[in-house]
PDB file of all heavy atoms in Angstrom:
ATOM      1  N   TYR A   1      79.447 100.517 100.893  1.00  0.00           N
ATOM      2  CA  TYR A   1      80.088 101.768 101.297  1.00  0.00           C
ATOM      3  C   TYR A   1      79.365 102.969 100.699  1.00  0.00           C
ATOM      4  O   TYR A   1      79.209 104.005 101.356  1.00  0.00           O
ATOM      5  CB  TYR A   1      81.568 101.811 100.907  1.00  0.00           C
ATOM      6  CG  TYR A   1      82.232 103.021 101.508  1.00  0.00           C
ATOM      7  CD1 TYR A   1      82.704 102.987 102.823  1.00  0.00           C
ATOM      8  CD2 TYR A   1      82.300 104.230 100.820  1.00  0.00           C
ATOM      9  CE1 TYR A   1      83.246 104.119 103.406  1.00  0.00           C
ATOM     10  CE2 TYR A   1      82.830 105.350 101.397  1.00  0.00           C
ATOM     11  CZ  TYR A   1      83.304 105.298 102.695  1.00  0.00           C
ATOM     12  OH  TYR A   1      83.824 106.418 103.284  1.00  0.00           O
ATOM     13  N   GLY A   2      78.910 102.833  99.442  1.00  0.00           N
ATOM     14  CA  GLY A   2      78.161 103.920  98.827  1.00  0.00           C
ATOM     15  C   GLY A   2      76.905 104.247  99.604  1.00  0.00           C
ATOM     16  O   GLY A   2      76.555 105.411  99.793  1.00  0.00           O
ATOM     17  N   PHE A   3      76.201 103.221 100.078  1.00  0.00           N
ATOM     18  CA  PHE A   3      74.984 103.422 100.863  1.00  0.00           C
ATOM     19  C   PHE A   3      75.295 104.172 102.160  1.00  0.00           C
ATOM     20  O   PHE A   3      74.640 105.159 102.497  1.00  0.00           O
ATOM     21  CB  PHE A   3      74.348 102.067 101.175  1.00  0.00           C
ATOM     22  CG  PHE A   3      73.133 102.154 102.056  1.00  0.00           C
ATOM     23  CD1 PHE A   3      71.895 102.503 101.533  1.00  0.00           C
ATOM     24  CD2 PHE A   3      73.216 101.876 103.415  1.00  0.00           C
ATOM     25  CE1 PHE A   3      70.767 102.584 102.343  1.00  0.00           C
ATOM     26  CE2 PHE A   3      72.101 101.954 104.233  1.00  0.00           C
ATOM     27  CZ  PHE A   3      70.873 102.314 103.692  1.00  0.00           C
ATOM     28  N   ALA A   4      76.309 103.692 102.897  1.00  0.00           N
ATOM     29  CA  ALA A   4      76.684 104.325 104.167  1.00  0.00           C
ATOM     30  C   ALA A   4      77.093 105.777 103.944  1.00  0.00           C
ATOM     31  O   ALA A   4      76.707 106.681 104.701  1.00  0.00           O
ATOM     32  CB  ALA A   4      77.817 103.540 104.830  1.00  0.00           C
ATOM     33  N   ASN A   5      77.856 106.001 102.888  1.00  0.00           N
ATOM     34  CA  ASN A   5      78.350 107.339 102.583  1.00  0.00           C
ATOM     35  C   ASN A   5      77.199 108.268 102.203  1.00  0.00           C
ATOM     36  O   ASN A   5      77.135 109.428 102.647  1.00  0.00           O
ATOM     37  CB  ASN A   5      79.364 107.257 101.439  1.00  0.00           C
ATOM     38  CG  ASN A   5      80.209 108.519 101.312  1.00  0.00           C
ATOM     39  OD1 ASN A   5      80.084 109.448 102.094  1.00  0.00           O
ATOM     40  ND2 ASN A   5      81.060 108.541 100.318  1.00  0.00           N
ATOM     41  N   PHE A   6      76.265 107.775 101.407  1.00  0.00           N
ATOM     42  CA  PHE A   6      75.138 108.605 100.991  1.00  0.00           C
ATOM     43  C   PHE A   6      74.277 109.004 102.181  1.00  0.00           C
ATOM     44  O   PHE A   6      73.887 110.167 102.321  1.00  0.00           O
ATOM     45  CB  PHE A   6      74.278 107.877  99.955  1.00  0.00           C
ATOM     46  CG  PHE A   6      73.057 108.671  99.568  1.00  0.00           C
ATOM     47  CD1 PHE A   6      73.176 109.761  98.729  1.00  0.00           C
ATOM     48  CD2 PHE A   6      71.810 108.349 100.074  1.00  0.00           C
ATOM     49  CE1 PHE A   6      72.059 110.525  98.392  1.00  0.00           C
ATOM     50  CE2 PHE A   6      70.691 109.096  99.744  1.00  0.00           C
ATOM     51  CZ  PHE A   6      70.819 110.186  98.899  1.00  0.00           C
ATOM     52  N   VAL A   7      73.975 108.042 103.046  1.00  0.00           N
ATOM     53  CA  VAL A   7      73.159 108.330 104.222  1.00  0.00           C
ATOM     54  C   VAL A   7      73.814 109.420 105.071  1.00  0.00           C
ATOM     55  O   VAL A   7      73.162 110.390 105.487  1.00  0.00           O
ATOM     56  CB  VAL A   7      72.933 107.057 105.069  1.00  0.00           C
ATOM     57  CG1 VAL A   7      72.320 107.403 106.431  1.00  0.00           C
ATOM     58  CG2 VAL A   7      72.018 106.081 104.331  1.00  0.00           C
ATOM     59  N   MET A   8      75.119 109.295 105.307  1.00  0.00           N
ATOM     60  CA  MET A   8      75.788 110.275 106.165  1.00  0.00           C
ATOM     61  C   MET A   8      76.032 111.602 105.457  1.00  0.00           C
ATOM     62  O   MET A   8      76.134 112.638 106.108  1.00  0.00           O
ATOM     63  CB  MET A   8      77.085 109.687 106.708  1.00  0.00           C
ATOM     64  CG  MET A   8      76.855 108.556 107.708  1.00  0.00           C
ATOM     65  SD  MET A   8      75.597 108.950 108.979  1.00  0.00           S
ATOM     66  CE  MET A   8      76.374 110.341 109.803  1.00  0.00           C
ATOM     67  N   HIS A   9      76.103 111.593 104.130  1.00  0.00           N
ATOM     68  CA  HIS A   9      76.159 112.863 103.407  1.00  0.00           C
ATOM     69  C   HIS A   9      74.872 113.644 103.626  1.00  0.00           C
ATOM     70  O   HIS A   9      74.881 114.874 103.812  1.00  0.00           O
ATOM     71  CB  HIS A   9      76.361 112.632 101.913  1.00  0.00           C
ATOM     72  CG  HIS A   9      76.193 113.883 101.091  1.00  0.00           C
ATOM     73  ND1 HIS A   9      74.985 114.264 100.553  1.00  0.00           N
ATOM     74  CD2 HIS A   9      77.082 114.854 100.755  1.00  0.00           C
ATOM     75  CE1 HIS A   9      75.137 115.410  99.921  1.00  0.00           C
ATOM     76  NE2 HIS A   9      76.390 115.783 100.018  1.00  0.00           N
ATOM     77  N   GLU A  10      73.743 112.939 103.624  1.00  0.00           N
ATOM     78  CA  GLU A  10      72.466 113.592 103.844  1.00  0.00           C
ATOM     79  C   GLU A  10      72.361 114.174 105.253  1.00  0.00           C
ATOM     80  O   GLU A  10      71.693 115.176 105.474  1.00  0.00           O
ATOM     81  CB  GLU A  10      71.328 112.600 103.612  1.00  0.00           C
ATOM     82  CG  GLU A  10      71.153 112.197 102.170  1.00  0.00           C
ATOM     83  CD  GLU A  10      70.668 113.352 101.311  1.00  0.00           C
ATOM     84  OE1 GLU A  10      69.492 113.724 101.411  1.00  0.00           O
ATOM     85  OE2 GLU A  10      71.492 113.900 100.545  1.00  0.00           O
ATOM     86  N   VAL A  11      73.036 113.554 106.220  1.00  0.00           N
ATOM     87  CA  VAL A  11      73.006 114.031 107.605  1.00  0.00           C
ATOM     88  C   VAL A  11      73.958 115.207 107.797  1.00  0.00           C
ATOM     89  O   VAL A  11      73.606 116.213 108.419  1.00  0.00           O
ATOM     90  CB  VAL A  11      73.370 112.898 108.588  1.00  0.00           C
ATOM     91  CG1 VAL A  11      73.477 113.442 110.020  1.00  0.00           C
ATOM     92  CG2 VAL A  11      72.337 111.782 108.538  1.00  0.00           C
ATOM     93  N   THR A  12      75.181 115.099 107.272  1.00  0.00           N
ATOM     94  CA  THR A  12      76.225 116.077 107.579  1.00  0.00           C
ATOM     95  C   THR A  12      76.430 117.140 106.509  1.00  0.00           C
ATOM     96  O   THR A  12      76.989 118.192 106.781  1.00  0.00           O
ATOM     97  CB  THR A  12      77.578 115.382 107.790  1.00  0.00           C
ATOM     98  OG1 THR A  12      78.005 114.794 106.547  1.00  0.00           O
ATOM     99  CG2 THR A  12      77.481 114.298 108.852  1.00  0.00           C
ATOM    100  N   GLY A  13      76.001 116.854 105.293  1.00  0.00           N
ATOM    101  CA  GLY A  13      76.241 117.797 104.204  1.00  0.00           C
ATOM    102  C   GLY A  13      77.544 117.544 103.474  1.00  0.00           C
ATOM    103  O   GLY A  13      77.846 118.209 102.484  1.00  0.00           O
ATOM    104  N   THR A  14      78.352 116.592 103.915  1.00  0.00           N
ATOM    105  CA  THR A  14      79.612 116.273 103.235  1.00  0.00           C
ATOM    106  C   THR A  14      79.768 114.768 103.148  1.00  0.00           C
ATOM    107  O   THR A  14      79.244 114.019 103.962  1.00  0.00           O
ATOM    108  CB  THR A  14      80.838 116.841 103.985  1.00  0.00           C
ATOM    109  OG1 THR A  14      80.967 116.196 105.254  1.00  0.00           O
ATOM    110  CG2 THR A  14      80.706 118.333 104.206  1.00  0.00           C
ATOM    111  N   SER A  15      80.512 114.338 102.145  1.00  0.00           N
ATOM    112  CA  SER A  15      80.754 112.908 101.976  1.00  0.00           C
ATOM    113  C   SER A  15      82.248 112.628 102.105  1.00  0.00           C
ATOM    114  O   SER A  15      83.070 113.543 102.122  1.00  0.00           O
ATOM    115  CB  SER A  15      80.246 112.429 100.619  1.00  0.00           C
ATOM    116  OG  SER A  15      80.882 113.126  99.573  1.00  0.00           O
ATOM    117  N   VAL A  16      82.594 111.353 102.181  1.00  0.00           N
ATOM    118  CA  VAL A  16      83.995 110.967 102.398  1.00  0.00           C
ATOM    119  C   VAL A  16      84.355 109.813 101.475  1.00  0.00           C
ATOM    120  O   VAL A  16      83.576 108.875 101.284  1.00  0.00           O
ATOM    121  CB  VAL A  16      84.231 110.579 103.880  1.00  0.00           C
ATOM    122  CG1 VAL A  16      83.328 109.443 104.314  1.00  0.00           C
ATOM    123  CG2 VAL A  16      85.684 110.199 104.120  1.00  0.00           C
ATOM    124  N   ASN A  17      85.515 109.903 100.870  1.00  0.00           N
ATOM    125  CA  ASN A  17      86.044 108.829 100.043  1.00  0.00           C
ATOM    126  C   ASN A  17      87.019 108.020 100.884  1.00  0.00           C
ATOM    127  O   ASN A  17      87.902 108.592 101.526  1.00  0.00           O
ATOM    128  CB  ASN A  17      86.766 109.425  98.830  1.00  0.00           C
ATOM    129  CG  ASN A  17      87.214 108.372  97.831  1.00  0.00           C
ATOM    130  OD1 ASN A  17      87.873 107.402  98.197  1.00  0.00           O
ATOM    131  ND2 ASN A  17      86.876 108.576  96.580  1.00  0.00           N
ATOM    132  N   PRO A  18      86.900 106.693 100.923  1.00  0.00           N
ATOM    133  CA  PRO A  18      87.763 105.897 101.798  1.00  0.00           C
ATOM    134  C   PRO A  18      89.246 105.976 101.457  1.00  0.00           C
ATOM    135  O   PRO A  18      90.088 105.544 102.234  1.00  0.00           O
ATOM    136  CB  PRO A  18      87.237 104.465 101.608  1.00  0.00           C
ATOM    137  CG  PRO A  18      86.524 104.494 100.304  1.00  0.00           C
ATOM    138  CD  PRO A  18      85.942 105.865 100.197  1.00  0.00           C
ATOM    139  N   ASN A  19      89.572 106.559 100.307  1.00  0.00           N
ATOM    140  CA  ASN A  19      90.979 106.690  99.927  1.00  0.00           C
ATOM    141  C   ASN A  19      91.529 108.093 100.169  1.00  0.00           C
ATOM    142  O   ASN A  19      92.696 108.358  99.897  1.00  0.00           O
ATOM    143  CB  ASN A  19      91.154 106.337  98.440  1.00  0.00           C
ATOM    144  CG  ASN A  19      90.709 104.919  98.135  1.00  0.00           C
ATOM    145  OD1 ASN A  19      91.063 103.997  98.852  1.00  0.00           O
ATOM    146  ND2 ASN A  19      89.924 104.754  97.087  1.00  0.00           N
ATOM    147  N   ASN A  20      90.682 108.986 100.676  1.00  0.00           N
ATOM    148  CA  ASN A  20      91.097 110.385 100.787  1.00  0.00           C
ATOM    149  C   ASN A  20      91.566 110.821 102.176  1.00  0.00           C
ATOM    150  O   ASN A  20      91.980 111.960 102.353  1.00  0.00           O
ATOM    151  CB  ASN A  20      89.945 111.303 100.364  1.00  0.00           C
ATOM    152  CG  ASN A  20      89.793 111.345  98.863  1.00  0.00           C
ATOM    153  OD1 ASN A  20      90.658 110.878  98.140  1.00  0.00           O
ATOM    154  ND2 ASN A  20      88.685 111.881  98.395  1.00  0.00           N
ATOM    155  N   GLY A  21      91.450 109.958 103.172  1.00  0.00           N
ATOM    156  CA  GLY A  21      91.906 110.360 104.499  1.00  0.00           C
ATOM    157  C   GLY A  21      91.021 111.404 105.137  1.00  0.00           C
ATOM    158  O   GLY A  21      89.812 111.425 104.930  1.00  0.00           O
ATOM    159  N   ASN A  22      91.629 112.301 105.902  1.00  0.00           N
ATOM    160  CA  ASN A  22      90.877 113.289 106.678  1.00  0.00           C
ATOM    161  C   ASN A  22      90.489 114.484 105.805  1.00  0.00           C
ATOM    162  O   ASN A  22      91.272 115.415 105.634  1.00  0.00           O
ATOM    163  CB  ASN A  22      91.698 113.764 107.876  1.00  0.00           C
ATOM    164  CG  ASN A  22      92.061 112.617 108.800  1.00  0.00           C
ATOM    165  OD1 ASN A  22      91.254 111.736 109.038  1.00  0.00           O
ATOM    166  ND2 ASN A  22      93.279 112.617 109.319  1.00  0.00           N
ATOM    167  N   LYS A  23      89.275 114.448 105.266  1.00  0.00           N
ATOM    168  CA  LYS A  23      88.788 115.548 104.442  1.00  0.00           C
ATOM    169  C   LYS A  23      87.301 115.778 104.703  1.00  0.00           C
ATOM    170  O   LYS A  23      86.606 114.909 105.211  1.00  0.00           O
ATOM    171  CB  LYS A  23      89.005 115.256 102.950  1.00  0.00           C
ATOM    172  CG  LYS A  23      90.463 115.337 102.505  1.00  0.00           C
ATOM    173  CD  LYS A  23      90.569 115.231 100.990  1.00  0.00           C
ATOM    174  CE  LYS A  23      92.009 115.399 100.535  1.00  0.00           C
ATOM    175  NZ  LYS A  23      92.120 115.326  99.059  1.00  0.00           N
ATOM    176  N   ASN A  24      86.849 116.988 104.340  1.00  0.00           N
ATOM    177  CA  ASN A  24      85.424 117.344 104.415  1.00  0.00           C
ATOM    178  C   ASN A  24      84.831 117.181 105.810  1.00  0.00           C
ATOM    179  O   ASN A  24      83.647 116.909 105.959  1.00  0.00           O
ATOM    180  CB  ASN A  24      84.611 116.502 103.423  1.00  0.00           C
ATOM    181  CG  ASN A  24      85.045 116.703 101.989  1.00  0.00           C
ATOM    182  OD1 ASN A  24      85.495 117.775 101.632  1.00  0.00           O
ATOM    183  ND2 ASN A  24      84.914 115.676 101.180  1.00  0.00           N
ATOM    184  N   GLY A  25      85.657 117.347 106.839  1.00  0.00           N
ATOM    185  CA  GLY A  25      85.154 117.245 108.202  1.00  0.00           C
ATOM    186  C   GLY A  25      85.128 115.831 108.749  1.00  0.00           C
ATOM    187  O   GLY A  25      84.690 115.614 109.875  1.00  0.00           O
ATOM    188  N   TRP A  26      85.595 114.866 107.956  1.00  0.00           N
ATOM    189  CA  TRP A  26      85.613 113.467 108.398  1.00  0.00           C
ATOM    190  C   TRP A  26      87.003 113.079 108.895  1.00  0.00           C
ATOM    191  O   TRP A  26      88.014 113.510 108.347  1.00  0.00           O
ATOM    192  CB  TRP A  26      85.211 112.552 107.251  1.00  0.00           C
ATOM    193  CG  TRP A  26      83.760 112.627 106.915  1.00  0.00           C
ATOM    194  CD1 TRP A  26      83.166 113.481 106.033  1.00  0.00           C
ATOM    195  CD2 TRP A  26      82.708 111.842 107.483  1.00  0.00           C
ATOM    196  NE1 TRP A  26      81.811 113.278 106.009  1.00  0.00           N
ATOM    197  CE2 TRP A  26      81.500 112.266 106.881  1.00  0.00           C
ATOM    198  CE3 TRP A  26      82.672 110.814 108.429  1.00  0.00           C
ATOM    199  CZ2 TRP A  26      80.275 111.718 107.204  1.00  0.00           C
ATOM    200  CZ3 TRP A  26      81.447 110.248 108.741  1.00  0.00           C
ATOM    201  CH2 TRP A  26      80.262 110.705 108.135  1.00  0.00           C
ATOM    202  N   LYS A  27      87.040 112.255 109.920  1.00  0.00           N
ATOM    203  CA  LYS A  27      88.296 111.796 110.494  1.00  0.00           C
ATOM    204  C   LYS A  27      88.443 110.288 110.292  1.00  0.00           C
ATOM    205  O   LYS A  27      87.553 109.517 110.619  1.00  0.00           O
ATOM    206  CB  LYS A  27      88.352 112.118 112.001  1.00  0.00           C
ATOM    207  CG  LYS A  27      89.658 111.687 112.668  1.00  0.00           C
ATOM    208  CD  LYS A  27      89.632 112.055 114.149  1.00  0.00           C
ATOM    209  CE  LYS A  27      90.939 111.645 114.817  1.00  0.00           C
ATOM    210  NZ  LYS A  27      90.926 111.978 116.270  1.00  0.00           N
ATOM    211  N   TYR A  28      89.570 109.899 109.734  1.00  0.00           N
ATOM    212  CA  TYR A  28      89.884 108.484 109.535  1.00  0.00           C
ATOM    213  C   TYR A  28      90.549 107.955 110.802  1.00  0.00           C
ATOM    214  O   TYR A  28      91.537 108.508 111.270  1.00  0.00           O
ATOM    215  CB  TYR A  28      90.820 108.332 108.338  1.00  0.00           C
ATOM    216  CG  TYR A  28      91.389 106.946 108.146  1.00  0.00           C
ATOM    217  CD1 TYR A  28      90.631 105.933 107.575  1.00  0.00           C
ATOM    218  CD2 TYR A  28      92.695 106.646 108.540  1.00  0.00           C
ATOM    219  CE1 TYR A  28      91.154 104.660 107.388  1.00  0.00           C
ATOM    220  CE2 TYR A  28      93.230 105.380 108.357  1.00  0.00           C
ATOM    221  CZ  TYR A  28      92.452 104.392 107.781  1.00  0.00           C
ATOM    222  OH  TYR A  28      92.970 103.138 107.599  1.00  0.00           O
ATOM    223  N   ILE A  29      89.996 106.893 111.371  1.00  0.00           N
ATOM    224  CA  ILE A  29      90.548 106.320 112.602  1.00  0.00           C
ATOM    225  C   ILE A  29      90.930 104.866 112.342  1.00  0.00           C
ATOM    226  O   ILE A  29      90.076 104.040 111.996  1.00  0.00           O
ATOM    227  CB  ILE A  29      89.534 106.385 113.760  1.00  0.00           C
ATOM    228  CG1 ILE A  29      88.964 107.808 113.903  1.00  0.00           C
ATOM    229  CG2 ILE A  29      90.182 105.944 115.070  1.00  0.00           C
ATOM    230  CD1 ILE A  29      87.855 107.922 114.930  1.00  0.00           C
ATOM    231  N   LYS A  30      92.202 104.557 112.489  1.00  0.00           N
ATOM    232  CA  LYS A  30      92.677 103.192 112.284  1.00  0.00           C
ATOM    233  C   LYS A  30      92.086 102.264 113.342  1.00  0.00           C
ATOM    234  O   LYS A  30      91.758 102.685 114.446  1.00  0.00           O
ATOM    235  CB  LYS A  30      94.203 103.142 112.362  1.00  0.00           C
ATOM    236  CG  LYS A  30      94.912 103.949 111.278  1.00  0.00           C
ATOM    237  CD  LYS A  30      96.419 103.887 111.485  1.00  0.00           C
ATOM    238  CE  LYS A  30      97.153 104.697 110.442  1.00  0.00           C
ATOM    239  NZ  LYS A  30      98.630 104.661 110.658  1.00  0.00           N
ATOM    240  N   ALA A  31      92.015 100.987 112.991  1.00  0.00           N
ATOM    241  CA  ALA A  31      91.405  99.996 113.887  1.00  0.00           C
ATOM    242  C   ALA A  31      92.013 100.025 115.283  1.00  0.00           C
ATOM    243  O   ALA A  31      91.293  99.987 116.288  1.00  0.00           O
ATOM    244  CB  ALA A  31      91.530  98.606 113.278  1.00  0.00           C
ATOM    245  N   ASN A  32      93.347 100.096 115.361  1.00  0.00           N
ATOM    246  CA  ASN A  32      93.992 100.039 116.677  1.00  0.00           C
ATOM    247  C   ASN A  32      93.846 101.335 117.469  1.00  0.00           C
ATOM    248  O   ASN A  32      94.225 101.401 118.636  1.00  0.00           O
ATOM    249  CB  ASN A  32      95.469  99.671 116.536  1.00  0.00           C
ATOM    250  CG  ASN A  32      96.263 100.685 115.722  1.00  0.00           C
ATOM    251  OD1 ASN A  32      95.707 101.635 115.187  1.00  0.00           O
ATOM    252  ND2 ASN A  32      97.568 100.487 115.620  1.00  0.00           N
ATOM    253  N   GLU A  33      93.290 102.385 116.838  1.00  0.00           N
ATOM    254  CA  GLU A  33      93.100 103.660 117.518  1.00  0.00           C
ATOM    255  C   GLU A  33      91.640 103.893 117.918  1.00  0.00           C
ATOM    256  O   GLU A  33      91.324 104.875 118.580  1.00  0.00           O
ATOM    257  CB  GLU A  33      93.571 104.807 116.615  1.00  0.00           C
ATOM    258  CG  GLU A  33      95.069 104.749 116.301  1.00  0.00           C
ATOM    259  CD  GLU A  33      95.489 105.807 115.295  1.00  0.00           C
ATOM    260  OE1 GLU A  33      94.595 106.446 114.688  1.00  0.00           O
ATOM    261  OE2 GLU A  33      96.697 106.001 115.112  1.00  0.00           O
ATOM    262  N   VAL A  34      90.757 102.992 117.503  1.00  0.00           N
ATOM    263  CA  VAL A  34      89.339 103.133 117.830  1.00  0.00           C
ATOM    264  C   VAL A  34      89.093 102.637 119.253  1.00  0.00           C
ATOM    265  O   VAL A  34      89.323 101.466 119.562  1.00  0.00           O
ATOM    266  CB  VAL A  34      88.452 102.332 116.851  1.00  0.00           C
ATOM    267  CG1 VAL A  34      86.979 102.491 117.230  1.00  0.00           C
ATOM    268  CG2 VAL A  34      88.690 102.788 115.418  1.00  0.00           C
ATOM    269  N   THR A  35      88.662 103.526 120.128  1.00  0.00           N
ATOM    270  CA  THR A  35      88.418 103.151 121.531  1.00  0.00           C
ATOM    271  C   THR A  35      86.923 103.068 121.855  1.00  0.00           C
ATOM    272  O   THR A  35      86.543 102.527 122.892  1.00  0.00           O
ATOM    273  CB  THR A  35      89.069 104.179 122.476  1.00  0.00           C
ATOM    274  OG1 THR A  35      88.536 105.486 122.197  1.00  0.00           O
ATOM    275  CG2 THR A  35      90.583 104.200 122.288  1.00  0.00           C
ATOM    276  N   GLU A  36      86.092 103.601 120.963  1.00  0.00           N
ATOM    277  CA  GLU A  36      84.642 103.543 121.145  1.00  0.00           C
ATOM    278  C   GLU A  36      83.976 103.786 119.804  1.00  0.00           C
ATOM    279  O   GLU A  36      84.589 104.320 118.874  1.00  0.00           O
ATOM    280  CB  GLU A  36      84.172 104.594 122.148  1.00  0.00           C
ATOM    281  CG  GLU A  36      84.432 106.022 121.694  1.00  0.00           C
ATOM    282  CD  GLU A  36      83.884 107.056 122.640  1.00  0.00           C
ATOM    283  OE1 GLU A  36      82.933 106.735 123.395  1.00  0.00           O
ATOM    284  OE2 GLU A  36      84.375 108.200 122.633  1.00  0.00           O
ATOM    285  N   LEU A  37      82.729 103.374 119.698  1.00  0.00           N
ATOM    286  CA  LEU A  37      81.931 103.694 118.521  1.00  0.00           C
ATOM    287  C   LEU A  37      80.911 104.761 118.887  1.00  0.00           C
ATOM    288  O   LEU A  37      80.468 104.826 120.034  1.00  0.00           O
ATOM    289  CB  LEU A  37      81.218 102.440 118.000  1.00  0.00           C
ATOM    290  CG  LEU A  37      82.113 101.338 117.439  1.00  0.00           C
ATOM    291  CD1 LEU A  37      81.280 100.146 116.972  1.00  0.00           C
ATOM    292  CD2 LEU A  37      82.988 101.848 116.289  1.00  0.00           C
TER     293      LEU A  37
END
C-alpha cells in the first residue's frame, strides 16, 4: 500500500491513508459500489 500511495502522490500531489476516508481529493469507493476501474 505504501508503494501504491507513494506512486500516486507523485502523480497527484496528495496522498491518502486507507483509514481516513474521503480526504485530499481522494474518494473511497466500497467494493459493491465499484462499477469500473
